[in-house]
Amino acid sequence: MFSKEIFSFLIKVITSWEVIVVTVVLILYFTLVFYVARLYHYSPGLSFGSKPKRAKKTGAAAKTPIPQGTEDDDLGIEEE
């Protein structure tokens, strides 16, 4: 007898309009959140199996090498 009362009560709670509305709103909210997360998680041009492209050096940066050890850094430390 007790289980029939609980079953009846659960059916009334689950089918109430408040529970149905809250469930639908939560489903729509999580759908939107997962859509935005998936949209911003992956970069648009990268797919699995493709190698990332390296940036090409252009202009003066590609032609002039960086001189090593010619600048004075004013630290007072002498290099050997």
PDB file of N, CA and C in Angstrom:
ATOM      1  N   MET A   1       0.810  -1.184   0.000  1.00  0.00           N
ATOM      2  CA  MET A   1       0.000   0.000   0.000  1.00  0.00           C
ATOM      3  C   MET A   1       0.860   1.257   0.000  1.00  0.00           C
ATOM      4  N   PHE A   2       1.935   1.196   0.744  1.00  0.00           N
ATOM      5  CA  PHE A   2       2.817   2.352   0.856  1.00  0.00           C
ATOM      6  C   PHE A   2       3.508   2.641  -0.477  1.00  0.00           C
ATOM      7  N   SER A   3       3.899   1.621  -1.201  1.00  0.00           N
ATOM      8  CA  SER A   3       4.581   1.820  -2.477  1.00  0.00           C
ATOM      9  C   SER A   3       3.637   2.395  -3.537  1.00  0.00           C
ATOM     10  N   LYS A   4       2.348   2.080  -3.470  1.00  0.00           N
ATOM     11  CA  LYS A   4       1.380   2.654  -4.415  1.00  0.00           C
ATOM     12  C   LYS A   4       1.224   4.154  -4.171  1.00  0.00           C
ATOM     13  N   GLU A   5       1.289   4.567  -2.920  1.00  0.00           N
ATOM     14  CA  GLU A   5       1.187   5.986  -2.599  1.00  0.00           C
ATOM     15  C   GLU A   5       2.416   6.745  -3.102  1.00  0.00           C
ATOM     16  N   ILE A   6       3.578   6.178  -2.909  1.00  0.00           N
ATOM     17  CA  ILE A   6       4.811   6.818  -3.381  1.00  0.00           C
ATOM     18  C   ILE A   6       4.814   6.890  -4.907  1.00  0.00           C
ATOM     19  N   PHE A   7       4.403   5.819  -5.548  1.00  0.00           N
ATOM     20  CA  PHE A   7       4.352   5.797  -7.012  1.00  0.00           C
ATOM     21  C   PHE A   7       3.389   6.854  -7.535  1.00  0.00           C
ATOM     22  N   SER A   8       2.246   6.967  -6.935  1.00  0.00           N
ATOM     23  CA  SER A   8       1.263   7.976  -7.334  1.00  0.00           C
ATOM     24  C   SER A   8       1.801   9.388  -7.124  1.00  0.00           C
ATOM     25  N   PHE A   9       2.461   9.587  -5.996  1.00  0.00           N
ATOM     26  CA  PHE A   9       3.052  10.894  -5.700  1.00  0.00           C
ATOM     27  C   PHE A   9       4.147  11.247  -6.709  1.00  0.00           C
ATOM     28  N   LEU A  10       4.998  10.304  -7.042  1.00  0.00           N
ATOM     29  CA  LEU A  10       6.067  10.559  -8.014  1.00  0.00           C
ATOM     30  C   LEU A  10       5.506  10.882  -9.396  1.00  0.00           C
ATOM     31  N   ILE A  11       4.476  10.206  -9.800  1.00  0.00           N
ATOM     32  CA  ILE A  11       3.848  10.483 -11.095  1.00  0.00           C
ATOM     33  C   ILE A  11       3.283  11.901 -11.119  1.00  0.00           C
ATOM     34  N   LYS A  12       2.649  12.305 -10.035  1.00  0.00           N
ATOM     35  CA  LYS A  12       2.104  13.666  -9.968  1.00  0.00           C
ATOM     36  C   LYS A  12       3.210  14.720 -10.000  1.00  0.00           C
ATOM     37  N   VAL A  13       4.310  14.461  -9.310  1.00  0.00           N
ATOM     38  CA  VAL A  13       5.425  15.419  -9.280  1.00  0.00           C
ATOM     39  C   VAL A  13       6.091  15.514 -10.650  1.00  0.00           C
ATOM     40  N   ILE A  14       6.356  14.388 -11.258  1.00  0.00           N
ATOM     41  CA  ILE A  14       7.062  14.383 -12.542  1.00  0.00           C
ATOM     42  C   ILE A  14       6.220  15.030 -13.632  1.00  0.00           C
ATOM     43  N   THR A  15       4.925  14.837 -13.592  1.00  0.00           N
ATOM     44  CA  THR A  15       4.064  15.392 -14.641  1.00  0.00           C
ATOM     45  C   THR A  15       3.538  16.792 -14.326  1.00  0.00           C
ATOM     46  N   SER A  16       3.979  17.403 -13.248  1.00  0.00           N
ATOM     47  CA  SER A  16       3.541  18.770 -12.951  1.00  0.00           C
ATOM     48  C   SER A  16       4.189  19.734 -13.940  1.00  0.00           C
ATOM     49  N   TRP A  17       3.523  20.829 -14.219  1.00  0.00           N
ATOM     50  CA  TRP A  17       4.012  21.760 -15.239  1.00  0.00           C
ATOM     51  C   TRP A  17       5.300  22.444 -14.811  1.00  0.00           C
ATOM     52  N   GLU A  18       5.512  22.651 -13.523  1.00  0.00           N
ATOM     53  CA  GLU A  18       6.742  23.304 -13.065  1.00  0.00           C
ATOM     54  C   GLU A  18       7.970  22.440 -13.368  1.00  0.00           C
ATOM     55  N   VAL A  19       7.848  21.157 -13.104  1.00  0.00           N
ATOM     56  CA  VAL A  19       8.974  20.248 -13.347  1.00  0.00           C
ATOM     57  C   VAL A  19       9.253  20.133 -14.837  1.00  0.00           C
ATOM     58  N   ILE A  20       8.212  20.074 -15.639  1.00  0.00           N
ATOM     59  CA  ILE A  20       8.396  19.965 -17.088  1.00  0.00           C
ATOM     60  C   ILE A  20       9.054  21.229 -17.647  1.00  0.00           C
ATOM     61  N   VAL A  21       8.613  22.402 -17.211  1.00  0.00           N
ATOM     62  CA  VAL A  21       9.191  23.666 -17.698  1.00  0.00           C
ATOM     63  C   VAL A  21      10.650  23.785 -17.286  1.00  0.00           C
ATOM     64  N   VAL A  22      10.956  23.479 -16.048  1.00  0.00           N
ATOM     65  CA  VAL A  22      12.345  23.566 -15.585  1.00  0.00           C
ATOM     66  C   VAL A  22      13.227  22.578 -16.344  1.00  0.00           C
ATOM     67  N   THR A  23      12.721  21.394 -16.610  1.00  0.00           N
ATOM     68  CA  THR A  23      13.491  20.402 -17.369  1.00  0.00           C
ATOM     69  C   THR A  23      13.776  20.881 -18.784  1.00  0.00           C
ATOM     70  N   VAL A  24      12.787  21.442 -19.449  1.00  0.00           N
ATOM     71  CA  VAL A  24      12.978  21.948 -20.813  1.00  0.00           C
ATOM     72  C   VAL A  24      13.965  23.114 -20.823  1.00  0.00           C
ATOM     73  N   VAL A  25      13.850  24.013 -19.865  1.00  0.00           N
ATOM     74  CA  VAL A  25      14.773  25.154 -19.791  1.00  0.00           C
ATOM     75  C   VAL A  25      16.200  24.673 -19.545  1.00  0.00           C
ATOM     76  N   LEU A  26      16.390  23.714 -18.671  1.00  0.00           N
ATOM     77  CA  LEU A  26      17.732  23.186 -18.416  1.00  0.00           C
ATOM     78  C   LEU A  26      18.312  22.500 -19.646  1.00  0.00           C
ATOM     79  N   ILE A  27      17.494  21.770 -20.375  1.00  0.00           N
ATOM     80  CA  ILE A  27      17.981  21.110 -21.596  1.00  0.00           C
ATOM     81  C   ILE A  27      18.408  22.154 -22.627  1.00  0.00           C
ATOM     82  N   LEU A  28      17.612  23.196 -22.806  1.00  0.00           N
ATOM     83  CA  LEU A  28      17.984  24.256 -23.753  1.00  0.00           C
ATOM     84  C   LEU A  28      19.249  24.993 -23.304  1.00  0.00           C
ATOM     85  N   TYR A  29      19.359  25.249 -22.013  1.00  0.00           N
ATOM     86  CA  TYR A  29      20.543  25.938 -21.490  1.00  0.00           C
ATOM     87  C   TYR A  29      21.809  25.108 -21.712  1.00  0.00           C
ATOM     88  N   PHE A  30      21.775  23.832 -21.370  1.00  0.00           N
ATOM     89  CA  PHE A  30      22.956  22.986 -21.558  1.00  0.00           C
ATOM     90  C   PHE A  30      23.282  22.799 -23.034  1.00  0.00           C
ATOM     91  N   THR A  31      22.266  22.739 -23.883  1.00  0.00           N
ATOM     92  CA  THR A  31      22.517  22.653 -25.317  1.00  0.00           C
ATOM     93  C   THR A  31      23.259  23.885 -25.807  1.00  0.00           C
ATOM     94  N   LEU A  32      22.842  25.052 -25.369  1.00  0.00           N
ATOM     95  CA  LEU A  32      23.510  26.291 -25.758  1.00  0.00           C
ATOM     96  C   LEU A  32      24.934  26.352 -25.219  1.00  0.00           C
ATOM     97  N   VAL A  33      25.123  25.970 -23.969  1.00  0.00           N
ATOM     98  CA  VAL A  33      26.462  26.007 -23.363  1.00  0.00           C
ATOM     99  C   VAL A  33      27.414  25.056 -24.085  1.00  0.00           C
ATOM    100  N   PHE A  34      26.977  23.843 -24.378  1.00  0.00           N
ATOM    101  CA  PHE A  34      27.834  22.886 -25.070  1.00  0.00           C
ATOM    102  C   PHE A  34      28.105  23.311 -26.510  1.00  0.00           C
ATOM    103  N   TYR A  35      27.139  23.961 -27.155  1.00  0.00           N
ATOM    104  CA  TYR A  35      27.350  24.457 -28.513  1.00  0.00           C
ATOM    105  C   TYR A  35      28.429  25.540 -28.528  1.00  0.00           C
ATOM    106  N   VAL A  36      28.347  26.482 -27.599  1.00  0.00           N
ATOM    107  CA  VAL A  36      29.343  27.561 -27.538  1.00  0.00           C
ATOM    108  C   VAL A  36      30.706  27.004 -27.163  1.00  0.00           C
ATOM    109  N   ALA A  37      30.755  26.045 -26.245  1.00  0.00           N
ATOM    110  CA  ALA A  37      32.031  25.451 -25.851  1.00  0.00           C
ATOM    111  C   ALA A  37      32.673  24.720 -27.026  1.00  0.00           C
ATOM    112  N   ARG A  38      31.873  23.994 -27.796  1.00  0.00           N
ATOM    113  CA  ARG A  38      32.404  23.285 -28.956  1.00  0.00           C
ATOM    114  C   ARG A  38      32.824  24.260 -30.047  1.00  0.00           C
ATOM    115  N   LEU A  39      32.113  25.374 -30.160  1.00  0.00           N
ATOM    116  CA  LEU A  39      32.415  26.371 -31.182  1.00  0.00           C
ATOM    117  C   LEU A  39      33.766  27.018 -30.927  1.00  0.00           C
ATOM    118  N   TYR A  40      34.088  27.320 -29.685  1.00  0.00           N
ATOM    119  CA  TYR A  40      35.332  28.004 -29.355  1.00  0.00           C
ATOM    120  C   TYR A  40      36.452  27.067 -28.933  1.00  0.00           C
ATOM    121  N   HIS A  41      36.200  25.788 -28.828  1.00  0.00           N
ATOM    122  CA  HIS A  41      37.241  24.858 -28.396  1.00  0.00           C
ATOM    123  C   HIS A  41      38.228  24.557 -29.515  1.00  0.00           C
ATOM    124  N   TYR A  42      37.758  24.342 -30.703  1.00  0.00           N
ATOM    125  CA  TYR A  42      38.616  23.984 -31.831  1.00  0.00           C
ATOM    126  C   TYR A  42      38.857  25.207 -32.705  1.00  0.00           C
ATOM    127  N   SER A  43      40.094  25.318 -33.211  1.00  0.00           N
ATOM    128  CA  SER A  43      40.365  26.384 -34.157  1.00  0.00           C
ATOM    129  C   SER A  43      39.731  26.017 -35.492  1.00  0.00           C
ATOM    130  N   PRO A  44      39.279  26.987 -36.269  1.00  0.00           N
ATOM    131  CA  PRO A  44      38.496  26.665 -37.461  1.00  0.00           C
ATOM    132  C   PRO A  44      39.278  25.981 -38.577  1.00  0.00           C
ATOM    133  N   GLY A  45      40.570  26.219 -38.714  1.00  0.00           N
ATOM    134  CA  GLY A  45      41.299  25.648 -39.829  1.00  0.00           C
ATOM    135  C   GLY A  45      42.026  24.368 -39.512  1.00  0.00           C
ATOM    136  N   LEU A  46      41.974  23.902 -38.300  1.00  0.00           N
ATOM    137  CA  LEU A  46      42.747  22.734 -37.896  1.00  0.00           C
ATOM    138  C   LEU A  46      41.849  21.512 -37.824  1.00  0.00           C
ATOM    139  N   SER A  47      42.264  20.462 -38.507  1.00  0.00           N
ATOM    140  CA  SER A  47      41.516  19.214 -38.410  1.00  0.00           C
ATOM    141  C   SER A  47      42.494  18.112 -38.019  1.00  0.00           C
ATOM    142  N   PHE A  48      41.973  17.012 -37.549  1.00  0.00           N
ATOM    143  CA  PHE A  48      42.824  15.905 -37.136  1.00  0.00           C
ATOM    144  C   PHE A  48      43.512  15.308 -38.351  1.00  0.00           C
ATOM    145  N   GLY A  49      44.781  14.997 -38.218  1.00  0.00           N
ATOM    146  CA  GLY A  49      45.523  14.390 -39.307  1.00  0.00           C
ATOM    147  C   GLY A  49      46.267  15.387 -40.174  1.00  0.00           C
ATOM    148  N   SER A  50      46.020  16.668 -40.013  1.00  0.00           N
ATOM    149  CA  SER A  50      46.742  17.650 -40.809  1.00  0.00           C
ATOM    150  C   SER A  50      47.833  18.279 -39.954  1.00  0.00           C
ATOM    151  N   LYS A  51      48.944  18.557 -40.590  1.00  0.00           N
ATOM    152  CA  LYS A  51      50.056  19.166 -39.875  1.00  0.00           C
ATOM    153  C   LYS A  51      49.848  20.672 -39.788  1.00  0.00           C
ATOM    154  N   PRO A  52      50.248  21.281 -38.664  1.00  0.00           N
ATOM    155  CA  PRO A  52      50.114  22.729 -38.563  1.00  0.00           C
ATOM    156  C   PRO A  52      51.083  23.425 -39.515  1.00  0.00           C
ATOM    157  N   LYS A  53      50.651  24.515 -40.106  1.00  0.00           N
ATOM    158  CA  LYS A  53      51.479  25.254 -41.049  1.00  0.00           C
ATOM    159  C   LYS A  53      52.389  26.210 -40.292  1.00  0.00           C
ATOM    160  N   ARG A  54      53.621  26.310 -40.761  1.00  0.00           N
ATOM    161  CA  ARG A  54      54.551  27.245 -40.147  1.00  0.00           C
ATOM    162  C   ARG A  54      54.407  28.609 -40.802  1.00  0.00           C
ATOM    163  N   ALA A  55      54.635  29.629 -40.012  1.00  0.00           N
ATOM    164  CA  ALA A  55      54.557  30.984 -40.535  1.00  0.00           C
ATOM    165  C   ALA A  55      55.793  31.264 -41.384  1.00  0.00           C
ATOM    166  N   LYS A  56      55.568  31.895 -42.527  1.00  0.00           N
ATOM    167  CA  LYS A  56      56.673  32.229 -43.412  1.00  0.00           C
ATOM    168  C   LYS A  56      57.269  33.565 -42.997  1.00  0.00           C
ATOM    169  N   LYS A  57      58.610  33.630 -43.049  1.00  0.00           N
ATOM    170  CA  LYS A  57      59.280  34.889 -42.755  1.00  0.00           C
ATOM    171  C   LYS A  57      59.294  35.720 -44.031  1.00  0.00           C
ATOM    172  N   THR A  58      58.870  36.951 -43.903  1.00  0.00           N
ATOM    173  CA  THR A  58      58.844  37.833 -45.067  1.00  0.00           C
ATOM    174  C   THR A  58      59.540  39.137 -44.753  1.00  0.00           C
ATOM    175  N   GLY A  59      59.981  39.798 -45.775  1.00  0.00           N
ATOM    176  CA  GLY A  59      60.551  41.136 -45.633  1.00  0.00           C
ATOM    177  C   GLY A  59      61.913  41.137 -44.982  1.00  0.00           C
ATOM    178  N   ALA A  60      62.172  42.186 -44.205  1.00  0.00           N
ATOM    179  CA  ALA A  60      63.475  42.403 -43.605  1.00  0.00           C
ATOM    180  C   ALA A  60      63.793  41.364 -42.527  1.00  0.00           C
ATOM    181  N   ALA A  61      62.814  40.817 -41.887  1.00  0.00           N
ATOM    182  CA  ALA A  61      63.048  39.841 -40.823  1.00  0.00           C
ATOM    183  C   ALA A  61      63.671  38.565 -41.380  1.00  0.00           C
ATOM    184  N   ALA A  62      63.367  38.197 -42.599  1.00  0.00           N
ATOM    185  CA  ALA A  62      63.907  36.988 -43.190  1.00  0.00           C
ATOM    186  C   ALA A  62      65.312  37.224 -43.756  1.00  0.00           C
ATOM    187  N   LYS A  63      65.636  38.444 -44.123  1.00  0.00           N
ATOM    188  CA  LYS A  63      66.906  38.734 -44.809  1.00  0.00           C
ATOM    189  C   LYS A  63      68.030  39.092 -43.843  1.00  0.00           C
ATOM    190  N   THR A  64      67.751  39.761 -42.757  1.00  0.00           N
ATOM    191  CA  THR A  64      68.807  40.218 -41.859  1.00  0.00           C
ATOM    192  C   THR A  64      68.919  39.285 -40.670  1.00  0.00           C
ATOM    193  N   PRO A  65      70.086  38.686 -40.454  1.00  0.00           N
ATOM    194  CA  PRO A  65      70.266  37.842 -39.271  1.00  0.00           C
ATOM    195  C   PRO A  65      70.433  38.697 -38.017  1.00  0.00           C
ATOM    196  N   ILE A  66      70.106  38.121 -36.895  1.00  0.00           N
ATOM    197  CA  ILE A  66      70.240  38.819 -35.619  1.00  0.00           C
ATOM    198  C   ILE A  66      71.675  38.658 -35.143  1.00  0.00           C
ATOM    199  N   PRO A  67      72.389  39.768 -34.893  1.00  0.00           N
ATOM    200  CA  PRO A  67      73.774  39.658 -34.415  1.00  0.00           C
ATOM    201  C   PRO A  67      73.810  39.131 -32.986  1.00  0.00           C
ATOM    202  N   GLN A  68      74.755  38.257 -32.696  1.00  0.00           N
ATOM    203  CA  GLN A  68      74.878  37.645 -31.385  1.00  0.00           C
ATOM    204  C   GLN A  68      75.987  38.324 -30.588  1.00  0.00           C
ATOM    205  N   GLY A  69      75.684  38.775 -29.385  1.00  0.00           N
ATOM    206  CA  GLY A  69      76.679  39.280 -28.463  1.00  0.00           C
ATOM    207  C   GLY A  69      77.259  40.636 -28.803  1.00  0.00           C
ATOM    208  N   THR A  70      76.648  41.438 -29.633  1.00  0.00           N
ATOM    209  CA  THR A  70      77.213  42.742 -29.984  1.00  0.00           C
ATOM    210  C   THR A  70      76.607  43.868 -29.169  1.00  0.00           C
ATOM    211  N   GLU A  71      75.555  43.608 -28.429  1.00  0.00           N
ATOM    212  CA  GLU A  71      74.909  44.666 -27.659  1.00  0.00           C
ATOM    213  C   GLU A  71      75.453  44.703 -26.241  1.00  0.00           C
ATOM    214  N   ASP A  72      75.478  45.890 -25.672  1.00  0.00           N
ATOM    215  CA  ASP A  72      75.879  46.060 -24.284  1.00  0.00           C
ATOM    216  C   ASP A  72      74.618  46.098 -23.450  1.00  0.00           C
ATOM    217  N   ASP A  73      74.464  45.152 -22.541  1.00  0.00           N
ATOM    218  CA  ASP A  73      73.237  45.077 -21.766  1.00  0.00           C
ATOM    219  C   ASP A  73      73.301  45.869 -20.470  1.00  0.00           C
ATOM    220  N   ASP A  74      74.393  46.540 -20.174  1.00  0.00           N
ATOM    221  CA  ASP A  74      74.569  47.387 -18.985  1.00  0.00           C
ATOM    222  C   ASP A  74      74.360  46.642 -17.681  1.00  0.00           C
ATOM    223  N   LEU A  75      74.711  45.357 -17.649  1.00  0.00           N
ATOM    224  CA  LEU A  75      74.597  44.626 -16.407  1.00  0.00           C
ATOM    225  C   LEU A  75      75.911  44.591 -15.615  1.00  0.00           C
ATOM    226  N   GLY A  76      76.968  44.964 -16.261  1.00  0.00           N
ATOM    227  CA  GLY A  76      78.250  44.972 -15.595  1.00  0.00           C
ATOM    228  C   GLY A  76      78.917  43.610 -15.540  1.00  0.00           C
ATOM    229  N   ILE A  77      78.438  42.678 -16.308  1.00  0.00           N
ATOM    230  CA  ILE A  77      78.996  41.334 -16.326  1.00  0.00           C
ATOM    231  C   ILE A  77      79.764  41.176 -17.632  1.00  0.00           C
ATOM    232  N   GLU A  78      80.998  40.728 -17.474  1.00  0.00           N
ATOM    233  CA  GLU A  78      81.818  40.531 -18.672  1.00  0.00           C
ATOM    234  C   GLU A  78      81.689  39.093 -19.134  1.00  0.00           C
ATOM    235  N   GLU A  79      81.538  38.927 -20.436  1.00  0.00           N
ATOM    236  CA  GLU A  79      81.478  37.590 -21.001  1.00  0.00           C
ATOM    237  C   GLU A  79      82.879  37.132 -21.370  1.00  0.00           C
ATOM    238  N   GLU A  80      83.116  35.861 -21.231  1.00  0.00           N
ATOM    239  CA  GLU A  80      84.442  35.315 -21.551  1.00  0.00           C
ATOM    240  C   GLU A  80      84.454  34.652 -22.871  1.00  0.00           C
TER     241      GLU A  80
END
